Amino acid sequence: MINAILVFNNHGKPRLVRFYQHLAEEVQQQIIRDTFHLVLKRDDHICNFLECGSSWVSPGALQLCPCPHSLFGGSDYKLIYRHYATLYFVFCVDSSESELGILDLIQV
């Protein structure tokens, strides 16, 4: 199930935000910030899928980073994203969704 669709530019300004479950505004803003920082740190040649539980180890960093999906109340969430020119398209899905299906959805 798709839980959120986020589109933001290279500077982190949200262009489209859609959450498919009720969350408080401050929680939504925290998820947007955390998601942007997780996706921005990744190189373009790295896989476009991020799986995380209650905590996530950032590549190249030694500390644990809080996963934005722990704010959704579960540990089986994934980020599937694609970077086109100046926009990041990010889908937050649970484990029942196909990663390649969502990536295909982003490309269409």
PDB file of N, CA and C in Angstrom:
ATOM      1  N   MET A   1       0.828  -1.169   0.000  1.00  0.00           N
ATOM      2  CA  MET A   1       0.000   0.000   0.000  1.00  0.00           C
ATOM      3  C   MET A   1       0.879   1.241   0.000  1.00  0.00           C
ATOM      4  N   ILE A   2       0.513   2.201  -0.805  1.00  0.00           N
ATOM      5  CA  ILE A   2       1.240   3.468  -0.850  1.00  0.00           C
ATOM      6  C   ILE A   2       0.775   4.319   0.328  1.00  0.00           C
ATOM      7  N   ASN A   3       1.729   4.788   1.125  1.00  0.00           N
ATOM      8  CA  ASN A   3       1.394   5.595   2.297  1.00  0.00           C
ATOM      9  C   ASN A   3       1.623   7.079   2.065  1.00  0.00           C
ATOM     10  N   ALA A   4       2.558   7.411   1.185  1.00  0.00           N
ATOM     11  CA  ALA A   4       2.831   8.825   0.918  1.00  0.00           C
ATOM     12  C   ALA A   4       3.512   8.972  -0.429  1.00  0.00           C
ATOM     13  N   ILE A   5       3.228  10.090  -1.077  1.00  0.00           N
ATOM     14  CA  ILE A   5       3.920  10.484  -2.302  1.00  0.00           C
ATOM     15  C   ILE A   5       4.490  11.868  -2.044  1.00  0.00           C
ATOM     16  N   LEU A   6       5.791  12.006  -2.235  1.00  0.00           N
ATOM     17  CA  LEU A   6       6.471  13.272  -1.998  1.00  0.00           C
ATOM     18  C   LEU A   6       7.248  13.652  -3.244  1.00  0.00           C
ATOM     19  N   VAL A   7       7.117  14.878  -3.654  1.00  0.00           N
ATOM     20  CA  VAL A   7       7.920  15.423  -4.752  1.00  0.00           C
ATOM     21  C   VAL A   7       8.533  16.705  -4.223  1.00  0.00           C
ATOM     22  N   PHE A   8       9.862  16.781  -4.249  1.00  0.00           N
ATOM     23  CA  PHE A   8      10.523  18.003  -3.821  1.00  0.00           C
ATOM     24  C   PHE A   8      11.701  18.295  -4.728  1.00  0.00           C
ATOM     25  N   ASN A   9      12.151  19.561  -4.703  1.00  0.00           N
ATOM     26  CA  ASN A   9      13.247  19.963  -5.572  1.00  0.00           C
ATOM     27  C   ASN A   9      14.592  19.688  -4.893  1.00  0.00           C
ATOM     28  N   ASN A  10      15.675  20.076  -5.545  1.00  0.00           N
ATOM     29  CA  ASN A  10      17.015  19.819  -5.040  1.00  0.00           C
ATOM     30  C   ASN A  10      17.309  20.549  -3.740  1.00  0.00           C
ATOM     31  N   HIS A  11      16.540  21.574  -3.422  1.00  0.00           N
ATOM     32  CA  HIS A  11      16.751  22.347  -2.205  1.00  0.00           C
ATOM     33  C   HIS A  11      15.845  21.892  -1.065  1.00  0.00           C
ATOM     34  N   GLY A  12      15.006  20.899  -1.297  1.00  0.00           N
ATOM     35  CA  GLY A  12      14.153  20.355  -0.262  1.00  0.00           C
ATOM     36  C   GLY A  12      12.788  21.008  -0.166  1.00  0.00           C
ATOM     37  N   LYS A  13      12.464  21.890  -1.089  1.00  0.00           N
ATOM     38  CA  LYS A  13      11.150  22.538  -1.055  1.00  0.00           C
ATOM     39  C   LYS A  13      10.112  21.580  -1.645  1.00  0.00           C
ATOM     40  N   PRO A  14       9.091  21.237  -0.857  1.00  0.00           N
ATOM     41  CA  PRO A  14       8.078  20.312  -1.365  1.00  0.00           C
ATOM     42  C   PRO A  14       7.273  20.926  -2.505  1.00  0.00           C
ATOM     43  N   ARG A  15       7.102  20.178  -3.570  1.00  0.00           N
ATOM     44  CA  ARG A  15       6.286  20.597  -4.703  1.00  0.00           C
ATOM     45  C   ARG A  15       4.954  19.863  -4.735  1.00  0.00           C
ATOM     46  N   LEU A  16       4.942  18.641  -4.231  1.00  0.00           N
ATOM     47  CA  LEU A  16       3.711  17.867  -4.120  1.00  0.00           C
ATOM     48  C   LEU A  16       3.861  16.961  -2.914  1.00  0.00           C
ATOM     49  N   VAL A  17       2.880  16.985  -2.032  1.00  0.00           N
ATOM     50  CA  VAL A  17       2.897  16.145  -0.835  1.00  0.00           C
ATOM     51  C   VAL A  17       1.514  15.532  -0.687  1.00  0.00           C
ATOM     52  N   ARG A  18       1.471  14.202  -0.603  1.00  0.00           N
ATOM     53  CA  ARG A  18       0.193  13.527  -0.403  1.00  0.00           C
ATOM     54  C   ARG A  18       0.409  12.361   0.547  1.00  0.00           C
ATOM     55  N   PHE A  19      -0.238  12.438   1.722  1.00  0.00           N
ATOM     56  CA  PHE A  19      -0.204  11.359   2.691  1.00  0.00           C
ATOM     57  C   PHE A  19      -1.540  10.634   2.643  1.00  0.00           C
ATOM     58  N   TYR A  20      -1.507   9.303   2.642  1.00  0.00           N
ATOM     59  CA  TYR A  20      -2.720   8.508   2.542  1.00  0.00           C
ATOM     60  C   TYR A  20      -3.161   7.920   3.877  1.00  0.00           C
ATOM     61  N   GLN A  21      -2.652   8.484   4.943  1.00  0.00           N
ATOM     62  CA  GLN A  21      -3.147   8.193   6.276  1.00  0.00           C
ATOM     63  C   GLN A  21      -3.031   9.470   7.093  1.00  0.00           C
ATOM     64  N   HIS A  22      -3.878   9.606   8.073  1.00  0.00           N
ATOM     65  CA  HIS A  22      -3.917  10.843   8.838  1.00  0.00           C
ATOM     66  C   HIS A  22      -2.696  10.953   9.748  1.00  0.00           C
ATOM     67  N   LEU A  23      -1.953  12.031   9.582  1.00  0.00           N
ATOM     68  CA  LEU A  23      -0.813  12.344  10.433  1.00  0.00           C
ATOM     69  C   LEU A  23      -0.889  13.819  10.794  1.00  0.00           C
ATOM     70  N   ALA A  24      -0.391  14.161  11.958  1.00  0.00           N
ATOM     71  CA  ALA A  24      -0.357  15.557  12.366  1.00  0.00           C
ATOM     72  C   ALA A  24       0.572  16.345  11.443  1.00  0.00           C
ATOM     73  N   GLU A  25       0.311  17.620  11.312  1.00  0.00           N
ATOM     74  CA  GLU A  25       1.096  18.470  10.406  1.00  0.00           C
ATOM     75  C   GLU A  25       2.588  18.473  10.754  1.00  0.00           C
ATOM     76  N   GLU A  26       2.922  18.524  12.043  1.00  0.00           N
ATOM     77  CA  GLU A  26       4.333  18.537  12.430  1.00  0.00           C
ATOM     78  C   GLU A  26       5.007  17.211  12.132  1.00  0.00           C
ATOM     79  N   VAL A  27       4.269  16.112  12.215  1.00  0.00           N
ATOM     80  CA  VAL A  27       4.817  14.798  11.860  1.00  0.00           C
ATOM     81  C   VAL A  27       5.050  14.726  10.357  1.00  0.00           C
ATOM     82  N   GLN A  28       4.126  15.253   9.573  1.00  0.00           N
ATOM     83  CA  GLN A  28       4.311  15.282   8.118  1.00  0.00           C
ATOM     84  C   GLN A  28       5.551  16.090   7.737  1.00  0.00           C
ATOM     85  N   GLN A  29       5.724  17.242   8.362  1.00  0.00           N
ATOM     86  CA  GLN A  29       6.891  18.078   8.060  1.00  0.00           C
ATOM     87  C   GLN A  29       8.191  17.369   8.445  1.00  0.00           C
ATOM     88  N   GLN A  30       8.179  16.643   9.559  1.00  0.00           N
ATOM     89  CA  GLN A  30       9.368  15.903   9.982  1.00  0.00           C
ATOM     90  C   GLN A  30       9.678  14.780   8.997  1.00  0.00           C
ATOM     91  N   ILE A  31       8.657  14.094   8.515  1.00  0.00           N
ATOM     92  CA  ILE A  31       8.860  13.031   7.526  1.00  0.00           C
ATOM     93  C   ILE A  31       9.434  13.603   6.238  1.00  0.00           C
ATOM     94  N   ILE A  32       8.929  14.739   5.800  1.00  0.00           N
ATOM     95  CA  ILE A  32       9.438  15.377   4.578  1.00  0.00           C
ATOM     96  C   ILE A  32      10.901  15.740   4.747  1.00  0.00           C
ATOM     97  N   ARG A  33      11.256  16.353   5.881  1.00  0.00           N
ATOM     98  CA  ARG A  33      12.653  16.745   6.128  1.00  0.00           C
ATOM     99  C   ARG A  33      13.568  15.534   6.174  1.00  0.00           C
ATOM    100  N   ASP A  34      13.182  14.517   6.953  1.00  0.00           N
ATOM    101  CA  ASP A  34      14.026  13.328   7.089  1.00  0.00           C
ATOM    102  C   ASP A  34      14.181  12.597   5.766  1.00  0.00           C
ATOM    103  N   THR A  35      13.101  12.484   5.026  1.00  0.00           N
ATOM    104  CA  THR A  35      13.152  11.816   3.731  1.00  0.00           C
ATOM    105  C   THR A  35      14.062  12.554   2.772  1.00  0.00           C
ATOM    106  N   PHE A  36      13.958  13.875   2.728  1.00  0.00           N
ATOM    107  CA  PHE A  36      14.815  14.659   1.845  1.00  0.00           C
ATOM    108  C   PHE A  36      16.285  14.458   2.197  1.00  0.00           C
ATOM    109  N   HIS A  37      16.615  14.479   3.484  1.00  0.00           N
ATOM    110  CA  HIS A  37      18.018  14.326   3.877  1.00  0.00           C
ATOM    111  C   HIS A  37      18.542  12.918   3.589  1.00  0.00           C
ATOM    112  N   LEU A  38      17.691  11.902   3.740  1.00  0.00           N
ATOM    113  CA  LEU A  38      18.123  10.545   3.414  1.00  0.00           C
ATOM    114  C   LEU A  38      18.381  10.379   1.921  1.00  0.00           C
ATOM    115  N   VAL A  39      17.485  10.908   1.111  1.00  0.00           N
ATOM    116  CA  VAL A  39      17.592  10.745  -0.338  1.00  0.00           C
ATOM    117  C   VAL A  39      18.709  11.622  -0.901  1.00  0.00           C
ATOM    118  N   LEU A  40      18.866  12.813  -0.369  1.00  0.00           N
ATOM    119  CA  LEU A  40      19.885  13.738  -0.882  1.00  0.00           C
ATOM    120  C   LEU A  40      21.296  13.206  -0.677  1.00  0.00           C
ATOM    121  N   LYS A  41      21.530  12.483   0.419  1.00  0.00           N
ATOM    122  CA  LYS A  41      22.867  11.964   0.733  1.00  0.00           C
ATOM    123  C   LYS A  41      23.318  10.867  -0.223  1.00  0.00           C
ATOM    124  N   ARG A  42      22.392  10.246  -0.898  1.00  0.00           N
ATOM    125  CA  ARG A  42      22.728   9.083  -1.719  1.00  0.00           C
ATOM    126  C   ARG A  42      23.243   9.510  -3.092  1.00  0.00           C
ATOM    127  N   ASP A  43      24.239   8.778  -3.580  1.00  0.00           N
ATOM    128  CA  ASP A  43      24.784   9.043  -4.909  1.00  0.00           C
ATOM    129  C   ASP A  43      23.792   8.599  -5.976  1.00  0.00           C
ATOM    130  N   ASP A  44      23.961   9.127  -7.193  1.00  0.00           N
ATOM    131  CA  ASP A  44      23.051   8.789  -8.281  1.00  0.00           C
ATOM    132  C   ASP A  44      23.198   7.340  -8.753  1.00  0.00           C
ATOM    133  N   HIS A  45      24.363   6.741  -8.539  1.00  0.00           N
ATOM    134  CA  HIS A  45      24.582   5.370  -9.014  1.00  0.00           C
ATOM    135  C   HIS A  45      24.176   4.310  -7.984  1.00  0.00           C
ATOM    136  N   ILE A  46      23.658   4.721  -6.841  1.00  0.00           N
ATOM    137  CA  ILE A  46      23.211   3.792  -5.805  1.00  0.00           C
ATOM    138  C   ILE A  46      21.756   3.403  -6.070  1.00  0.00           C
ATOM    139  N   CYS A  47      21.363   2.240  -5.592  1.00  0.00           N
ATOM    140  CA  CYS A  47      20.000   1.725  -5.740  1.00  0.00           C
ATOM    141  C   CYS A  47      18.958   2.747  -5.284  1.00  0.00           C
ATOM    142  N   ASN A  48      17.806   2.767  -5.936  1.00  0.00           N
ATOM    143  CA  ASN A  48      16.738   3.727  -5.638  1.00  0.00           C
ATOM    144  C   ASN A  48      15.765   3.224  -4.584  1.00  0.00           C
ATOM    145  N   PHE A  49      16.117   2.195  -3.847  1.00  0.00           N
ATOM    146  CA  PHE A  49      15.246   1.644  -2.820  1.00  0.00           C
ATOM    147  C   PHE A  49      15.922   1.790  -1.468  1.00  0.00           C
ATOM    148  N   LEU A  50      15.164   2.229  -0.480  1.00  0.00           N
ATOM    149  CA  LEU A  50      15.651   2.311   0.894  1.00  0.00           C
ATOM    150  C   LEU A  50      14.696   1.540   1.786  1.00  0.00           C
ATOM    151  N   GLU A  51      15.194   0.505   2.445  1.00  0.00           N
ATOM    152  CA  GLU A  51      14.393  -0.216   3.421  1.00  0.00           C
ATOM    153  C   GLU A  51      14.920   0.155   4.785  1.00  0.00           C
ATOM    154  N   CYS A  52      14.005   0.344   5.719  1.00  0.00           N
ATOM    155  CA  CYS A  52      14.474   0.689   7.054  1.00  0.00           C
ATOM    156  C   CYS A  52      13.503   0.215   8.097  1.00  0.00           C
ATOM    157  N   GLY A  53      14.051   0.027   9.282  1.00  0.00           N
ATOM    158  CA  GLY A  53      13.248  -0.369  10.431  1.00  0.00           C
ATOM    159  C   GLY A  53      13.139   0.794  11.388  1.00  0.00           C
ATOM    160  N   SER A  54      13.280   0.522  12.650  1.00  0.00           N
ATOM    161  CA  SER A  54      13.160   1.580  13.648  1.00  0.00           C
ATOM    162  C   SER A  54      14.369   2.509  13.620  1.00  0.00           C
ATOM    163  N   SER A  55      15.501   2.031  13.146  1.00  0.00           N
ATOM    164  CA  SER A  55      16.659   2.896  12.952  1.00  0.00           C
ATOM    165  C   SER A  55      17.380   2.449  11.699  1.00  0.00           C
ATOM    166  N   TRP A  56      18.098   3.359  11.103  1.00  0.00           N
ATOM    167  CA  TRP A  56      18.719   3.116   9.811  1.00  0.00           C
ATOM    168  C   TRP A  56      20.139   3.619   9.855  1.00  0.00           C
ATOM    169  N   VAL A  57      21.086   2.847   9.348  1.00  0.00           N
ATOM    170  CA  VAL A  57      22.478   3.260   9.340  1.00  0.00           C
ATOM    171  C   VAL A  57      22.765   3.940   8.016  1.00  0.00           C
ATOM    172  N   SER A  58      23.165   5.188   8.091  1.00  0.00           N
ATOM    173  CA  SER A  58      23.456   5.963   6.899  1.00  0.00           C
ATOM    174  C   SER A  58      24.764   5.486   6.282  1.00  0.00           C
ATOM    175  N   PRO A  59      24.815   5.292   4.935  1.00  0.00           N
ATOM    176  CA  PRO A  59      26.073   4.874   4.313  1.00  0.00           C
ATOM    177  C   PRO A  59      27.118   5.954   4.478  1.00  0.00           C
ATOM    178  N   GLY A  60      28.314   5.542   4.878  1.00  0.00           N
ATOM    179  CA  GLY A  60      29.393   6.498   5.059  1.00  0.00           C
ATOM    180  C   GLY A  60      29.358   7.184   6.413  1.00  0.00           C
ATOM    181  N   ALA A  61      28.383   6.897   7.226  1.00  0.00           N
ATOM    182  CA  ALA A  61      28.286   7.504   8.549  1.00  0.00           C
ATOM    183  C   ALA A  61      28.285   6.394   9.596  1.00  0.00           C
ATOM    184  N   LEU A  62      28.765   6.719  10.768  1.00  0.00           N
ATOM    185  CA  LEU A  62      28.848   5.725  11.813  1.00  0.00           C
ATOM    186  C   LEU A  62      27.685   5.793  12.788  1.00  0.00           C
ATOM    187  N   GLN A  63      26.900   6.856  12.750  1.00  0.00           N
ATOM    188  CA  GLN A  63      25.802   6.984  13.698  1.00  0.00           C
ATOM    189  C   GLN A  63      24.513   6.437  13.102  1.00  0.00           C
ATOM    190  N   LEU A  64      23.583   6.120  13.979  1.00  0.00           N
ATOM    191  CA  LEU A  64      22.265   5.662  13.554  1.00  0.00           C
ATOM    192  C   LEU A  64      21.380   6.862  13.307  1.00  0.00           C
ATOM    193  N   CYS A  65      20.659   6.831  12.221  1.00  0.00           N
ATOM    194  CA  CYS A  65      19.743   7.913  11.880  1.00  0.00           C
ATOM    195  C   CYS A  65      18.319   7.421  12.072  1.00  0.00           C
ATOM    196  N   PRO A  66      17.433   8.242  12.638  1.00  0.00           N
ATOM    197  CA  PRO A  66      16.048   7.803  12.755  1.00  0.00           C
ATOM    198  C   PRO A  66      15.415   7.689  11.383  1.00  0.00           C
ATOM    199  N   CYS A  67      14.740   6.625  11.161  1.00  0.00           N
ATOM    200  CA  CYS A  67      14.070   6.415   9.882  1.00  0.00           C
ATOM    201  C   CYS A  67      12.761   7.175   9.869  1.00  0.00           C
ATOM    202  N   PRO A  68      12.433   7.877   8.782  1.00  0.00           N
ATOM    203  CA  PRO A  68      11.176   8.597   8.756  1.00  0.00           C
ATOM    204  C   PRO A  68       9.973   7.668   8.833  1.00  0.00           C
ATOM    205  N   HIS A  69      10.146   6.406   8.466  1.00  0.00           N
ATOM    206  CA  HIS A  69       9.013   5.493   8.467  1.00  0.00           C
ATOM    207  C   HIS A  69       8.672   5.010   9.859  1.00  0.00           C
ATOM    208  N   SER A  70       9.593   5.193  10.823  1.00  0.00           N
ATOM    209  CA  SER A  70       9.222   4.856  12.197  1.00  0.00           C
ATOM    210  C   SER A  70       8.135   5.798  12.679  1.00  0.00           C
ATOM    211  N   LEU A  71       8.017   6.962  12.054  1.00  0.00           N
ATOM    212  CA  LEU A  71       6.943   7.883  12.390  1.00  0.00           C
ATOM    213  C   LEU A  71       5.601   7.388  11.879  1.00  0.00           C
ATOM    214  N   PHE A  72       5.600   6.485  10.883  1.00  0.00           N
ATOM    215  CA  PHE A  72       4.360   5.901  10.387  1.00  0.00           C
ATOM    216  C   PHE A  72       3.846   4.817  11.317  1.00  0.00           C
ATOM    217  N   GLY A  73       4.650   4.421  12.283  1.00  0.00           N
ATOM    218  CA  GLY A  73       4.203   3.437  13.257  1.00  0.00           C
ATOM    219  C   GLY A  73       4.555   2.007  12.906  1.00  0.00           C
ATOM    220  N   GLY A  74       5.474   1.789  12.000  1.00  0.00           N
ATOM    221  CA  GLY A  74       5.843   0.431  11.630  1.00  0.00           C
ATOM    222  C   GLY A  74       7.270   0.377  11.137  1.00  0.00           C
ATOM    223  N   SER A  75       7.762  -0.838  10.956  1.00  0.00           N
ATOM    224  CA  SER A  75       9.145  -0.991  10.524  1.00  0.00           C
ATOM    225  C   SER A  75       9.260  -1.634   9.156  1.00  0.00           C
ATOM    226  N   ASP A  76       8.150  -1.887   8.487  1.00  0.00           N
ATOM    227  CA  ASP A  76       8.203  -2.580   7.199  1.00  0.00           C
ATOM    228  C   ASP A  76       7.982  -1.626   6.034  1.00  0.00           C
ATOM    229  N   TYR A  77       8.387  -0.388   6.169  1.00  0.00           N
ATOM    230  CA  TYR A  77       8.196   0.595   5.111  1.00  0.00           C
ATOM    231  C   TYR A  77       9.458   0.773   4.287  1.00  0.00           C
ATOM    232  N   LYS A  78       9.252   1.170   3.034  1.00  0.00           N
ATOM    233  CA  LYS A  78      10.359   1.385   2.110  1.00  0.00           C
ATOM    234  C   LYS A  78      10.198   2.743   1.435  1.00  0.00           C
ATOM    235  N   LEU A  79      11.313   3.346   1.113  1.00  0.00           N
ATOM    236  CA  LEU A  79      11.329   4.524   0.258  1.00  0.00           C
ATOM    237  C   LEU A  79      11.760   4.080  -1.119  1.00  0.00           C
ATOM    238  N   ILE A  80      10.990   4.451  -2.100  1.00  0.00           N
ATOM    239  CA  ILE A  80      11.347   4.191  -3.493  1.00  0.00           C
ATOM    240  C   ILE A  80      11.356   5.548  -4.164  1.00  0.00           C
ATOM    241  N   TYR A  81      12.489   5.914  -4.727  1.00  0.00           N
ATOM    242  CA  TYR A  81      12.619   7.276  -5.239  1.00  0.00           C
ATOM    243  C   TYR A  81      13.313   7.287  -6.591  1.00  0.00           C
ATOM    244  N   ARG A  82      13.176   8.407  -7.250  1.00  0.00           N
ATOM    245  CA  ARG A  82      13.850   8.629  -8.525  1.00  0.00           C
ATOM    246  C   ARG A  82      14.169  10.108  -8.623  1.00  0.00           C
ATOM    247  N   HIS A  83      15.360  10.433  -9.086  1.00  0.00           N
ATOM    248  CA  HIS A  83      15.792  11.818  -9.237  1.00  0.00           C
ATOM    249  C   HIS A  83      15.819  12.173 -10.720  1.00  0.00           C
ATOM    250  N   TYR A  84      14.978  13.130 -11.102  1.00  0.00           N
ATOM    251  CA  TYR A  84      14.928  13.625 -12.473  1.00  0.00           C
ATOM    252  C   TYR A  84      15.256  15.106 -12.454  1.00  0.00           C
ATOM    253  N   ALA A  85      16.328  15.494 -13.133  1.00  0.00           N
ATOM    254  CA  ALA A  85      16.733  16.900 -13.269  1.00  0.00           C
ATOM    255  C   ALA A  85      16.760  17.579 -11.905  1.00  0.00           C
ATOM    256  N   THR A  86      15.763  18.385 -11.582  1.00  0.00           N
ATOM    257  CA  THR A  86      15.774  19.118 -10.310  1.00  0.00           C
ATOM    258  C   THR A  86      14.717  18.616  -9.336  1.00  0.00           C
ATOM    259  N   LEU A  87      14.070  17.492  -9.633  1.00  0.00           N
ATOM    260  CA  LEU A  87      13.006  16.993  -8.766  1.00  0.00           C
ATOM    261  C   LEU A  87      13.292  15.574  -8.279  1.00  0.00           C
ATOM    262  N   TYR A  88      12.934  15.325  -7.034  1.00  0.00           N
ATOM    263  CA  TYR A  88      12.956  13.987  -6.454  1.00  0.00           C
ATOM    264  C   TYR A  88      11.511  13.515  -6.327  1.00  0.00           C
ATOM    265  N   PHE A  89      11.224  12.338  -6.843  1.00  0.00           N
ATOM    266  CA  PHE A  89       9.916  11.709  -6.715  1.00  0.00           C
ATOM    267  C   PHE A  89      10.091  10.554  -5.734  1.00  0.00           C
ATOM    268  N   VAL A  90       9.403  10.622  -4.600  1.00  0.00           N
ATOM    269  CA  VAL A  90       9.583   9.640  -3.532  1.00  0.00           C
ATOM    270  C   VAL A  90       8.233   9.029  -3.181  1.00  0.00           C
ATOM    271  N   PHE A  91       8.179   7.710  -3.151  1.00  0.00           N
ATOM    272  CA  PHE A  91       7.001   6.991  -2.708  1.00  0.00           C
ATOM    273  C   PHE A  91       7.356   6.256  -1.426  1.00  0.00           C
ATOM    274  N   CYS A  92       6.518   6.359  -0.432  1.00  0.00           N
ATOM    275  CA  CYS A  92       6.661   5.598   0.794  1.00  0.00           C
ATOM    276  C   CYS A  92       5.625   4.475   0.750  1.00  0.00           C
ATOM    277  N   VAL A  93       6.109   3.238   0.743  1.00  0.00           N
ATOM    278  CA  VAL A  93       5.219   2.082   0.603  1.00  0.00           C
ATOM    279  C   VAL A  93       5.526   1.069   1.695  1.00  0.00           C
ATOM    280  N   ASP A  94       4.595   0.145   1.916  1.00  0.00           N
ATOM    281  CA  ASP A  94       4.859  -0.927   2.860  1.00  0.00           C
ATOM    282  C   ASP A  94       5.460  -2.120   2.122  1.00  0.00           C
ATOM    283  N   SER A  95       5.704  -3.186   2.851  1.00  0.00           N
ATOM    284  CA  SER A  95       6.434  -4.322   2.272  1.00  0.00           C
ATOM    285  C   SER A  95       5.622  -5.118   1.257  1.00  0.00           C
ATOM    286  N   SER A  96       4.314  -4.875   1.159  1.00  0.00           N
ATOM    287  CA  SER A  96       3.512  -5.640   0.210  1.00  0.00           C
ATOM    288  C   SER A  96       3.630  -5.120  -1.222  1.00  0.00           C
ATOM    289  N   GLU A  97       4.189  -3.940  -1.408  1.00  0.00           N
ATOM    290  CA  GLU A  97       4.325  -3.356  -2.744  1.00  0.00           C
ATOM    291  C   GLU A  97       5.602  -3.844  -3.434  1.00  0.00           C
ATOM    292  N   SER A  98       5.537  -3.936  -4.734  1.00  0.00           N
ATOM    293  CA  SER A  98       6.694  -4.304  -5.539  1.00  0.00           C
ATOM    294  C   SER A  98       7.542  -3.065  -5.805  1.00  0.00           C
ATOM    295  N   GLU A  99       8.834  -3.166  -5.496  1.00  0.00           N
ATOM    296  CA  GLU A  99       9.730  -2.028  -5.717  1.00  0.00           C
ATOM    297  C   GLU A  99       9.793  -1.642  -7.193  1.00  0.00           C
ATOM    298  N   LEU A 100       9.906  -2.646  -8.049  1.00  0.00           N
ATOM    299  CA  LEU A 100      10.008  -2.361  -9.482  1.00  0.00           C
ATOM    300  C   LEU A 100       8.708  -1.820 -10.052  1.00  0.00           C
ATOM    301  N   GLY A 101       7.579  -2.265  -9.498  1.00  0.00           N
ATOM    302  CA  GLY A 101       6.286  -1.735  -9.936  1.00  0.00           C
ATOM    303  C   GLY A 101       6.145  -0.256  -9.598  1.00  0.00           C
ATOM    304  N   ILE A 102       6.557   0.130  -8.401  1.00  0.00           N
ATOM    305  CA  ILE A 102       6.495   1.537  -7.997  1.00  0.00           C
ATOM    306  C   ILE A 102       7.490   2.368  -8.792  1.00  0.00           C
ATOM    307  N   LEU A 103       8.682   1.838  -9.040  1.00  0.00           N
ATOM    308  CA  LEU A 103       9.653   2.566  -9.852  1.00  0.00           C
ATOM    309  C   LEU A 103       9.124   2.770 -11.269  1.00  0.00           C
ATOM    310  N   ASP A 104       8.437   1.775 -11.805  1.00  0.00           N
ATOM    311  CA  ASP A 104       7.807   1.909 -13.110  1.00  0.00           C
ATOM    312  C   ASP A 104       6.706   2.959 -13.067  1.00  0.00           C
ATOM    313  N   LEU A 105       5.943   3.014 -11.995  1.00  0.00           N
ATOM    314  CA  LEU A 105       4.914   4.022 -11.817  1.00  0.00           C
ATOM    315  C   LEU A 105       5.500   5.431 -11.802  1.00  0.00           C
ATOM    316  N   ILE A 106       6.644   5.596 -11.155  1.00  0.00           N
ATOM    317  CA  ILE A 106       7.315   6.894 -11.135  1.00  0.00           C
ATOM    318  C   ILE A 106       7.749   7.297 -12.535  1.00  0.00           C
ATOM    319  N   GLN A 107       8.248   6.347 -13.310  1.00  0.00           N
ATOM    320  CA  GLN A 107       8.747   6.663 -14.642  1.00  0.00           C
ATOM    321  C   GLN A 107       7.647   6.966 -15.630  1.00  0.00           C
ATOM    322  N   VAL A 108       6.442   6.494 -15.365  1.00  0.00           N
ATOM    323  CA  VAL A 108       5.314   6.763 -16.263  1.00  0.00           C
ATOM    324  C   VAL A 108       4.737   8.080 -15.862  1.00  0.00           C
TER     325      VAL A 108
END
